[in-house]
Amino acid sequence: MRLQGKTAIITGAASGFGAGIAARFAAEGARVMIADINRAAAEAVANDLDAVAQTVDVADDESVRAMAQAAIDRLGHVDILVNNAGVTHLPMPMEEVPEDEFDRVLAVNAKSVYLTARHLVPRMKARGRGAILNIASTAGLSPRPRLSWYNASKGWMITATKAMAVELAPQGIRVNALCPVAGETPLLASFLGEDTPERRAAFLATIPLGRFSTPEDLANAALYLCSDEAGMVTGVAMEVDGGRCI
C-alpha cells in the first residue's frame, strides 16, 4: 500500500499504459481519477477500480480546467498527476505529415503538459508537495525515422520534465518522466504503420530484451517514481525499454 492516502489524476487512463498505471495505483491504496477523452471507456475502467471517471480533452484549456476542479471536488486534493495521454502520426516522410496531424500531435503530447501544469501546479504549490510524471518515449531519446514529429514531441516532453523539476523543486514538487519503448497498446499499430508479424519482428529486433513493453512494466516504474520511496528523485527520464536506447 505504497500510495495509501494519496490521490492521483491519470490522463489517457482508459486504455494501454494509463489503464495499467491506474490499476496499480489503485491496488497500492491511491484514490484515482480516470481521465480520458473516451467517456464510456473511462467509466468502465473506473468501475473496475472503484475510481472516479472524468471526460477530458487534454489539448483544451477549459476541459483541463474542468478536470482539475472535478478532481478537487471529488478527491479533495491532488498528490499525483500522470500526463499519459498521447497520440502519434503514421510513419511517413517528415514533409508529408499533414499539418492538422502535426498540430494534433503537438497539442496532445506537448500542450497538454502546459495545460495540466497551469491548472494543477498552483494547487500543489499551495500544499507544498506533489509528484508529476510525464509519459514520454524512447522516441525522444533515440528517434526512429519516419516518426519525426512524434519524436520531437516526446523530446519536448523530456526537456519540459527537467525544466519543471528545476523550477518546482523548491516548492516540494517532484517531476519525472518515463520513456517506454513501444508496447502492446492501441498506439502500436500506428507506430508500425501496419501490424503484421514481419513488422513486429523487425521492431522487436531493435530491443535487446526481445519484447514489447507492457502496461505492467510502466505501472511498476510509475509506482516507484510517484511514491515517497523516490523522494530524492526528480528530473529523471527513466528508460523502460528493454535496452532499446543502449
C-alpha atoms as a PDB file:
ATOM      1  CA  MET A   1       0.000   0.000   0.000  1.00  0.00           C
ATOM      2  CA  ARG A   2       2.695   2.462  -1.047  1.00  0.00           C
ATOM      3  CA  LEU A   3       0.181   5.104  -2.133  1.00  0.00           C
ATOM      4  CA  GLN A   4      -2.176   4.803   0.826  1.00  0.00           C
ATOM      5  CA  GLY A   5      -3.933   8.137   1.355  1.00  0.00           C
ATOM      6  CA  LYS A   6      -2.672   9.579  -1.933  1.00  0.00           C
ATOM      7  CA  THR A   7      -4.815  10.896  -4.769  1.00  0.00           C
ATOM      8  CA  ALA A   8      -3.910  10.755  -8.455  1.00  0.00           C
ATOM      9  CA  ILE A   9      -5.105  12.024 -11.817  1.00  0.00           C
ATOM     10  CA  ILE A  10      -4.041   9.868 -14.775  1.00  0.00           C
ATOM     11  CA  THR A  11      -4.808  11.165 -18.253  1.00  0.00           C
ATOM     12  CA  GLY A  12      -5.412   8.737 -21.087  1.00  0.00           C
ATOM     13  CA  ALA A  13      -6.173   6.159 -18.415  1.00  0.00           C
ATOM     14  CA  ALA A  14      -8.976   4.330 -20.209  1.00  0.00           C
ATOM     15  CA  SER A  15      -6.568   2.038 -22.074  1.00  0.00           C
ATOM     16  CA  GLY A  16      -2.966   0.986 -22.544  1.00  0.00           C
ATOM     17  CA  PHE A  17      -0.238   2.254 -20.243  1.00  0.00           C
ATOM     18  CA  GLY A  18      -2.626   4.640 -18.479  1.00  0.00           C
ATOM     19  CA  ALA A  19      -5.031   1.876 -17.516  1.00  0.00           C
ATOM     20  CA  GLY A  20      -2.140  -0.238 -16.242  1.00  0.00           C
ATOM     21  CA  ILE A  21      -0.822   2.617 -14.116  1.00  0.00           C
ATOM     22  CA  ALA A  22      -4.299   3.341 -12.773  1.00  0.00           C
ATOM     23  CA  ALA A  23      -4.835  -0.275 -11.755  1.00  0.00           C
ATOM     24  CA  ARG A  24      -1.510  -0.434  -9.931  1.00  0.00           C
ATOM     25  CA  PHE A  25      -2.041   2.890  -8.166  1.00  0.00           C
ATOM     26  CA  ALA A  26      -5.493   1.805  -7.001  1.00  0.00           C
ATOM     27  CA  ALA A  27      -4.111  -1.520  -5.778  1.00  0.00           C
ATOM     28  CA  GLU A  28      -1.491   0.403  -3.786  1.00  0.00           C
ATOM     29  CA  GLY A  29      -4.126   2.452  -1.975  1.00  0.00           C
ATOM     30  CA  ALA A  30      -4.498   5.596  -4.105  1.00  0.00           C
ATOM     31  CA  ARG A  31      -7.803   7.227  -4.971  1.00  0.00           C
ATOM     32  CA  VAL A  32      -7.615   7.629  -8.727  1.00  0.00           C
ATOM     33  CA  MET A  33      -9.290   9.791 -11.362  1.00  0.00           C
ATOM     34  CA  ILE A  34      -9.502   8.048 -14.735  1.00  0.00           C
ATOM     35  CA  ALA A  35      -9.341  10.997 -17.147  1.00  0.00           C
ATOM     36  CA  ASP A  36      -9.854  10.246 -20.817  1.00  0.00           C
ATOM     37  CA  ILE A  37     -11.472  11.679 -23.923  1.00  0.00           C
ATOM     38  CA  ASN A  38     -13.436   8.416 -24.235  1.00  0.00           C
ATOM     39  CA  ARG A  39     -16.090   8.748 -21.535  1.00  0.00           C
ATOM     40  CA  ALA A  40     -17.525   5.233 -21.823  1.00  0.00           C
ATOM     41  CA  ALA A  41     -14.110   3.592 -21.631  1.00  0.00           C
ATOM     42  CA  ALA A  42     -13.113   5.795 -18.682  1.00  0.00           C
ATOM     43  CA  GLU A  43     -16.257   4.809 -16.804  1.00  0.00           C
ATOM     44  CA  ALA A  44     -15.625   1.120 -17.482  1.00  0.00           C
ATOM     45  CA  VAL A  45     -12.093   1.299 -16.045  1.00  0.00           C
ATOM     46  CA  ALA A  46     -13.238   3.457 -13.140  1.00  0.00           C
ATOM     47  CA  ASN A  47     -15.995   0.991 -12.254  1.00  0.00           C
ATOM     48  CA  ASP A  48     -13.490  -1.864 -12.164  1.00  0.00           C
ATOM     49  CA  LEU A  49     -11.161   0.074  -9.861  1.00  0.00           C
ATOM     50  CA  ASP A  50     -13.703   1.904  -7.701  1.00  0.00           C
ATOM     51  CA  ALA A  51     -12.214   5.085  -9.136  1.00  0.00           C
ATOM     52  CA  VAL A  52     -13.576   8.385 -10.496  1.00  0.00           C
ATOM     53  CA  ALA A  53     -14.167   8.849 -14.232  1.00  0.00           C
ATOM     54  CA  GLN A  54     -13.703  12.215 -15.923  1.00  0.00           C
ATOM     55  CA  THR A  55     -14.016  13.184 -19.562  1.00  0.00           C
ATOM     56  CA  VAL A  56     -11.163  15.416 -20.701  1.00  0.00           C
ATOM     57  CA  ASP A  57      -9.621  16.733 -23.883  1.00  0.00           C
ATOM     58  CA  VAL A  58      -6.081  17.342 -22.670  1.00  0.00           C
ATOM     59  CA  ALA A  59      -5.418  19.793 -25.521  1.00  0.00           C
ATOM     60  CA  ASP A  60      -8.289  22.087 -24.497  1.00  0.00           C
ATOM     61  CA  ASP A  61      -7.788  24.612 -21.703  1.00  0.00           C
ATOM     62  CA  GLU A  62     -11.381  24.682 -20.466  1.00  0.00           C
ATOM     63  CA  SER A  63     -11.605  20.896 -20.448  1.00  0.00           C
ATOM     64  CA  VAL A  64      -8.399  20.605 -18.397  1.00  0.00           C
ATOM     65  CA  ARG A  65      -9.615  23.307 -16.013  1.00  0.00           C
ATOM     66  CA  ALA A  66     -12.845  21.351 -15.510  1.00  0.00           C
ATOM     67  CA  MET A  67     -10.855  18.164 -14.881  1.00  0.00           C
ATOM     68  CA  ALA A  68      -8.739  19.874 -12.233  1.00  0.00           C
ATOM     69  CA  GLN A  69     -11.809  21.272 -10.488  1.00  0.00           C
ATOM     70  CA  ALA A  70     -13.586  17.907 -10.632  1.00  0.00           C
ATOM     71  CA  ALA A  71     -10.549  16.300  -9.015  1.00  0.00           C
ATOM     72  CA  ILE A  72     -10.647  18.797  -6.165  1.00  0.00           C
ATOM     73  CA  ASP A  73     -14.396  18.330  -5.770  1.00  0.00           C
ATOM     74  CA  ARG A  74     -14.242  14.519  -5.830  1.00  0.00           C
ATOM     75  CA  LEU A  75     -10.821  13.754  -4.327  1.00  0.00           C
ATOM     76  CA  GLY A  76     -10.229  16.791  -2.113  1.00  0.00           C
ATOM     77  CA  HIS A  77      -6.712  17.443  -3.411  1.00  0.00           C
ATOM     78  CA  VAL A  78      -4.236  16.090  -5.977  1.00  0.00           C
ATOM     79  CA  ASP A  79      -0.989  14.459  -4.843  1.00  0.00           C
ATOM     80  CA  ILE A  80      -0.009  12.860  -8.166  1.00  0.00           C
ATOM     81  CA  LEU A  81      -0.501  13.873 -11.779  1.00  0.00           C
ATOM     82  CA  VAL A  82       0.376  11.460 -14.577  1.00  0.00           C
ATOM     83  CA  ASN A  83       0.424  13.060 -18.030  1.00  0.00           C
ATOM     84  CA  ASN A  84      -0.067   9.873 -20.019  1.00  0.00           C
ATOM     85  CA  ALA A  85      -2.423  10.820 -22.871  1.00  0.00           C
ATOM     86  CA  GLY A  86      -0.602  10.751 -26.185  1.00  0.00           C
ATOM     87  CA  VAL A  87      -1.023  10.334 -29.935  1.00  0.00           C
ATOM     88  CA  THR A  88       1.213   9.821 -32.957  1.00  0.00           C
ATOM     89  CA  HIS A  89       1.124  10.316 -36.685  1.00  0.00           C
ATOM     90  CA  LEU A  90       1.570   7.352 -39.012  1.00  0.00           C
ATOM     91  CA  PRO A  91       5.105   6.564 -40.202  1.00  0.00           C
ATOM     92  CA  MET A  92       5.903   8.676 -43.266  1.00  0.00           C
ATOM     93  CA  PRO A  93       8.489  11.137 -44.560  1.00  0.00           C
ATOM     94  CA  MET A  94       8.517  14.207 -42.334  1.00  0.00           C
ATOM     95  CA  GLU A  95       7.485  16.591 -45.101  1.00  0.00           C
ATOM     96  CA  GLU A  96       4.403  14.508 -45.907  1.00  0.00           C
ATOM     97  CA  VAL A  97       2.813  14.650 -42.460  1.00  0.00           C
ATOM     98  CA  PRO A  98      -0.393  16.722 -42.843  1.00  0.00           C
ATOM     99  CA  GLU A  99      -0.421  19.995 -40.943  1.00  0.00           C
ATOM    100  CA  ASP A 100      -3.516  19.032 -38.965  1.00  0.00           C
ATOM    101  CA  GLU A 101      -1.778  15.826 -37.819  1.00  0.00           C
ATOM    102  CA  PHE A 102       1.312  17.791 -36.763  1.00  0.00           C
ATOM    103  CA  ASP A 103      -0.887  20.188 -34.788  1.00  0.00           C
ATOM    104  CA  ARG A 104      -2.739  17.310 -33.127  1.00  0.00           C
ATOM    105  CA  VAL A 105       0.469  15.536 -32.060  1.00  0.00           C
ATOM    106  CA  LEU A 106       1.948  18.691 -30.533  1.00  0.00           C
ATOM    107  CA  ALA A 107      -1.336  19.651 -28.863  1.00  0.00           C
ATOM    108  CA  VAL A 108      -1.912  16.283 -27.187  1.00  0.00           C
ATOM    109  CA  ASN A 109       1.706  15.405 -26.399  1.00  0.00           C
ATOM    110  CA  ALA A 110       3.127  18.827 -25.528  1.00  0.00           C
ATOM    111  CA  LYS A 111       0.476  21.481 -24.947  1.00  0.00           C
ATOM    112  CA  SER A 112      -1.325  19.138 -22.556  1.00  0.00           C
ATOM    113  CA  VAL A 113       1.652  19.230 -20.160  1.00  0.00           C
ATOM    114  CA  TYR A 114       1.459  23.028 -20.123  1.00  0.00           C
ATOM    115  CA  LEU A 115      -2.298  22.982 -19.526  1.00  0.00           C
ATOM    116  CA  THR A 116      -2.237  20.483 -16.672  1.00  0.00           C
ATOM    117  CA  ALA A 117       0.607  22.451 -15.079  1.00  0.00           C
ATOM    118  CA  ARG A 118      -1.376  25.648 -15.468  1.00  0.00           C
ATOM    119  CA  HIS A 119      -4.349  24.275 -13.579  1.00  0.00           C
ATOM    120  CA  LEU A 120      -2.757  21.871 -11.081  1.00  0.00           C
ATOM    121  CA  VAL A 121       0.701  23.185 -10.191  1.00  0.00           C
ATOM    122  CA  PRO A 122      -0.703  26.174  -8.231  1.00  0.00           C
ATOM    123  CA  ARG A 123      -2.689  23.746  -6.086  1.00  0.00           C
ATOM    124  CA  MET A 124       0.383  21.596  -5.474  1.00  0.00           C
ATOM    125  CA  LYS A 125       2.425  24.686  -4.585  1.00  0.00           C
ATOM    126  CA  ALA A 126      -0.227  25.691  -2.055  1.00  0.00           C
ATOM    127  CA  ARG A 127       0.153  22.305  -0.346  1.00  0.00           C
ATOM    128  CA  GLY A 128       3.957  22.292  -0.603  1.00  0.00           C
ATOM    129  CA  ARG A 129       4.178  18.880  -2.229  1.00  0.00           C
ATOM    130  CA  GLY A 130       3.255  16.822  -5.262  1.00  0.00           C
ATOM    131  CA  ALA A 131       4.561  14.415  -7.885  1.00  0.00           C
ATOM    132  CA  ILE A 132       4.169  14.844 -11.629  1.00  0.00           C
ATOM    133  CA  LEU A 133       5.017  12.052 -14.046  1.00  0.00           C
ATOM    134  CA  ASN A 134       5.181  12.633 -17.796  1.00  0.00           C
ATOM    135  CA  ILE A 135       4.947   9.573 -20.037  1.00  0.00           C
ATOM    136  CA  ALA A 136       7.481  10.359 -22.747  1.00  0.00           C
ATOM    137  CA  SER A 137       9.091   7.751 -25.017  1.00  0.00           C
ATOM    138  CA  THR A 138      12.348   6.295 -26.225  1.00  0.00           C
ATOM    139  CA  ALA A 139      11.411   8.227 -29.391  1.00  0.00           C
ATOM    140  CA  GLY A 140      12.502  11.378 -27.559  1.00  0.00           C
ATOM    141  CA  LEU A 141      15.941   9.892 -26.823  1.00  0.00           C
ATOM    142  CA  SER A 142      16.710   7.697 -29.840  1.00  0.00           C
ATOM    143  CA  PRO A 143      14.394   8.756 -32.680  1.00  0.00           C
ATOM    144  CA  ARG A 144      13.172   6.320 -35.287  1.00  0.00           C
ATOM    145  CA  PRO A 145      12.913   7.531 -38.890  1.00  0.00           C
ATOM    146  CA  ARG A 146       9.518   8.430 -40.383  1.00  0.00           C
ATOM    147  CA  LEU A 147       8.105   9.390 -36.961  1.00  0.00           C
ATOM    148  CA  SER A 148       9.901  12.734 -36.852  1.00  0.00           C
ATOM    149  CA  TRP A 149       7.254  14.995 -35.339  1.00  0.00           C
ATOM    150  CA  TYR A 150       6.169  12.378 -32.807  1.00  0.00           C
ATOM    151  CA  ASN A 151       9.849  12.011 -31.850  1.00  0.00           C
ATOM    152  CA  ALA A 152      10.112  15.782 -31.467  1.00  0.00           C
ATOM    153  CA  SER A 153       7.022  15.986 -29.271  1.00  0.00           C
ATOM    154  CA  LYS A 154       8.449  13.403 -26.876  1.00  0.00           C
ATOM    155  CA  GLY A 155      11.828  15.132 -26.849  1.00  0.00           C
ATOM    156  CA  TRP A 156       9.952  18.302 -25.882  1.00  0.00           C
ATOM    157  CA  MET A 157       8.294  16.412 -23.036  1.00  0.00           C
ATOM    158  CA  ILE A 158      11.637  15.206 -21.692  1.00  0.00           C
ATOM    159  CA  THR A 159      13.087  18.723 -21.716  1.00  0.00           C
ATOM    160  CA  ALA A 160       9.894  20.080 -20.148  1.00  0.00           C
ATOM    161  CA  THR A 161      10.216  17.479 -17.386  1.00  0.00           C
ATOM    162  CA  LYS A 162      13.715  18.649 -16.491  1.00  0.00           C
ATOM    163  CA  ALA A 163      12.748  22.330 -16.660  1.00  0.00           C
ATOM    164  CA  MET A 164       9.702  21.732 -14.467  1.00  0.00           C
ATOM    165  CA  ALA A 165      11.769  19.720 -11.983  1.00  0.00           C
ATOM    166  CA  VAL A 166      14.306  22.502 -11.523  1.00  0.00           C
ATOM    167  CA  GLU A 167      11.688  25.208 -11.107  1.00  0.00           C
ATOM    168  CA  LEU A 168       9.309  23.294  -8.839  1.00  0.00           C
ATOM    169  CA  ALA A 169      11.825  21.582  -6.528  1.00  0.00           C
ATOM    170  CA  PRO A 170      11.842  24.474  -4.004  1.00  0.00           C
ATOM    171  CA  GLN A 171       8.070  24.055  -3.677  1.00  0.00           C
ATOM    172  CA  GLY A 172       8.409  20.360  -2.823  1.00  0.00           C
ATOM    173  CA  ILE A 173       7.093  19.166  -6.187  1.00  0.00           C
ATOM    174  CA  ARG A 174       8.968  16.399  -7.989  1.00  0.00           C
ATOM    175  CA  VAL A 175       8.708  15.957 -11.778  1.00  0.00           C
ATOM    176  CA  ASN A 176       9.939  12.886 -13.640  1.00  0.00           C
ATOM    177  CA  ALA A 177       9.369  11.123 -16.947  1.00  0.00           C
ATOM    178  CA  LEU A 178       9.166   7.567 -18.182  1.00  0.00           C
ATOM    179  CA  CYS A 179      10.497   6.621 -21.603  1.00  0.00           C
ATOM    180  CA  PRO A 180       8.904   3.346 -22.676  1.00  0.00           C
ATOM    181  CA  VAL A 181       9.642   1.504 -25.858  1.00  0.00           C
ATOM    182  CA  ALA A 182       6.538   0.677 -27.904  1.00  0.00           C
ATOM    183  CA  GLY A 183       4.184  -1.663 -26.119  1.00  0.00           C
ATOM    184  CA  GLU A 184       1.037  -3.689 -26.509  1.00  0.00           C
ATOM    185  CA  THR A 185      -1.229  -0.649 -26.522  1.00  0.00           C
ATOM    186  CA  PRO A 186      -3.667   0.918 -29.021  1.00  0.00           C
ATOM    187  CA  LEU A 187      -0.786   3.006 -30.445  1.00  0.00           C
ATOM    188  CA  LEU A 188       1.317   0.024 -31.521  1.00  0.00           C
ATOM    189  CA  ALA A 189      -0.337  -0.360 -34.919  1.00  0.00           C
ATOM    190  CA  SER A 190       0.224   3.330 -35.607  1.00  0.00           C
ATOM    191  CA  PHE A 191       3.935   3.071 -34.797  1.00  0.00           C
ATOM    192  CA  LEU A 192       4.307   0.042 -37.057  1.00  0.00           C
ATOM    193  CA  GLY A 193       2.243   1.553 -39.862  1.00  0.00           C
ATOM    194  CA  GLU A 194       0.673  -1.875 -40.241  1.00  0.00           C
ATOM    195  CA  ASP A 195       0.556  -4.537 -37.542  1.00  0.00           C
ATOM    196  CA  THR A 196       1.991  -7.572 -39.304  1.00  0.00           C
ATOM    197  CA  PRO A 197       4.205 -10.393 -37.983  1.00  0.00           C
ATOM    198  CA  GLU A 198       7.047  -9.161 -40.203  1.00  0.00           C
ATOM    199  CA  ARG A 199       6.918  -5.587 -38.911  1.00  0.00           C
ATOM    200  CA  ARG A 200       6.647  -6.783 -35.324  1.00  0.00           C
ATOM    201  CA  ALA A 201       9.718  -8.971 -35.802  1.00  0.00           C
ATOM    202  CA  ALA A 202      11.705  -6.104 -37.305  1.00  0.00           C
ATOM    203  CA  PHE A 203      10.733  -3.808 -34.422  1.00  0.00           C
ATOM    204  CA  LEU A 204      11.495  -6.407 -31.762  1.00  0.00           C
ATOM    205  CA  ALA A 205      14.938  -6.953 -33.279  1.00  0.00           C
ATOM    206  CA  THR A 206      15.873  -3.447 -32.062  1.00  0.00           C
ATOM    207  CA  ILE A 207      15.002  -4.272 -28.422  1.00  0.00           C
ATOM    208  CA  PRO A 208      17.756  -6.278 -26.677  1.00  0.00           C
ATOM    209  CA  LEU A 209      15.371  -7.950 -24.213  1.00  0.00           C
ATOM    210  CA  GLY A 210      13.297  -9.056 -27.183  1.00  0.00           C
ATOM    211  CA  ARG A 211       9.805  -7.986 -26.210  1.00  0.00           C
ATOM    212  CA  PHE A 212       7.484  -5.011 -26.216  1.00  0.00           C
ATOM    213  CA  SER A 213       6.839  -3.088 -23.016  1.00  0.00           C
ATOM    214  CA  THR A 214       3.620  -3.812 -21.140  1.00  0.00           C
ATOM    215  CA  PRO A 215       1.258  -1.693 -19.046  1.00  0.00           C
ATOM    216  CA  GLU A 216       2.563  -3.597 -16.031  1.00  0.00           C
ATOM    217  CA  ASP A 217       6.150  -2.575 -16.817  1.00  0.00           C
ATOM    218  CA  LEU A 218       5.146   1.073 -16.904  1.00  0.00           C
ATOM    219  CA  ALA A 219       2.965   0.734 -13.821  1.00  0.00           C
ATOM    220  CA  ASN A 220       5.861  -0.667 -11.779  1.00  0.00           C
ATOM    221  CA  ALA A 221       8.162   2.198 -12.734  1.00  0.00           C
ATOM    222  CA  ALA A 222       5.418   4.814 -12.294  1.00  0.00           C
ATOM    223  CA  LEU A 223       4.628   3.492  -8.823  1.00  0.00           C
ATOM    224  CA  TYR A 224       8.214   3.972  -7.720  1.00  0.00           C
ATOM    225  CA  LEU A 225       8.623   7.476  -9.160  1.00  0.00           C
ATOM    226  CA  CYS A 226       5.315   8.696  -7.724  1.00  0.00           C
ATOM    227  CA  SER A 227       5.780   7.135  -4.291  1.00  0.00           C
ATOM    228  CA  ASP A 228       7.630   8.551  -1.305  1.00  0.00           C
ATOM    229  CA  GLU A 229      10.350   5.977  -1.967  1.00  0.00           C
ATOM    230  CA  ALA A 230      11.541   8.268  -4.777  1.00  0.00           C
ATOM    231  CA  GLY A 231      11.596  11.319  -2.536  1.00  0.00           C
ATOM    232  CA  MET A 232      15.106  12.251  -3.712  1.00  0.00           C
ATOM    233  CA  VAL A 233      14.404  11.621  -7.413  1.00  0.00           C
ATOM    234  CA  THR A 234      13.409  14.485  -9.699  1.00  0.00           C
ATOM    235  CA  GLY A 235      14.174  15.483 -13.287  1.00  0.00           C
ATOM    236  CA  VAL A 236      14.776  11.885 -14.353  1.00  0.00           C
ATOM    237  CA  ALA A 237      13.782  10.444 -17.752  1.00  0.00           C
ATOM    238  CA  MET A 238      13.759   6.756 -16.864  1.00  0.00           C
ATOM    239  CA  GLU A 239      14.052   4.321 -19.766  1.00  0.00           C
ATOM    240  CA  VAL A 240      11.675   1.352 -19.601  1.00  0.00           C
ATOM    241  CA  ASP A 241      12.763  -0.028 -22.914  1.00  0.00           C
ATOM    242  CA  GLY A 242      14.398  -3.441 -22.672  1.00  0.00           C
ATOM    243  CA  GLY A 243      17.743  -1.874 -23.611  1.00  0.00           C
ATOM    244  CA  ARG A 244      16.476  -0.102 -26.755  1.00  0.00           C
ATOM    245  CA  CYS A 245      18.462   3.092 -26.016  1.00  0.00           C
ATOM    246  CA  ILE A 246      21.785   1.416 -25.203  1.00  0.00           C
END
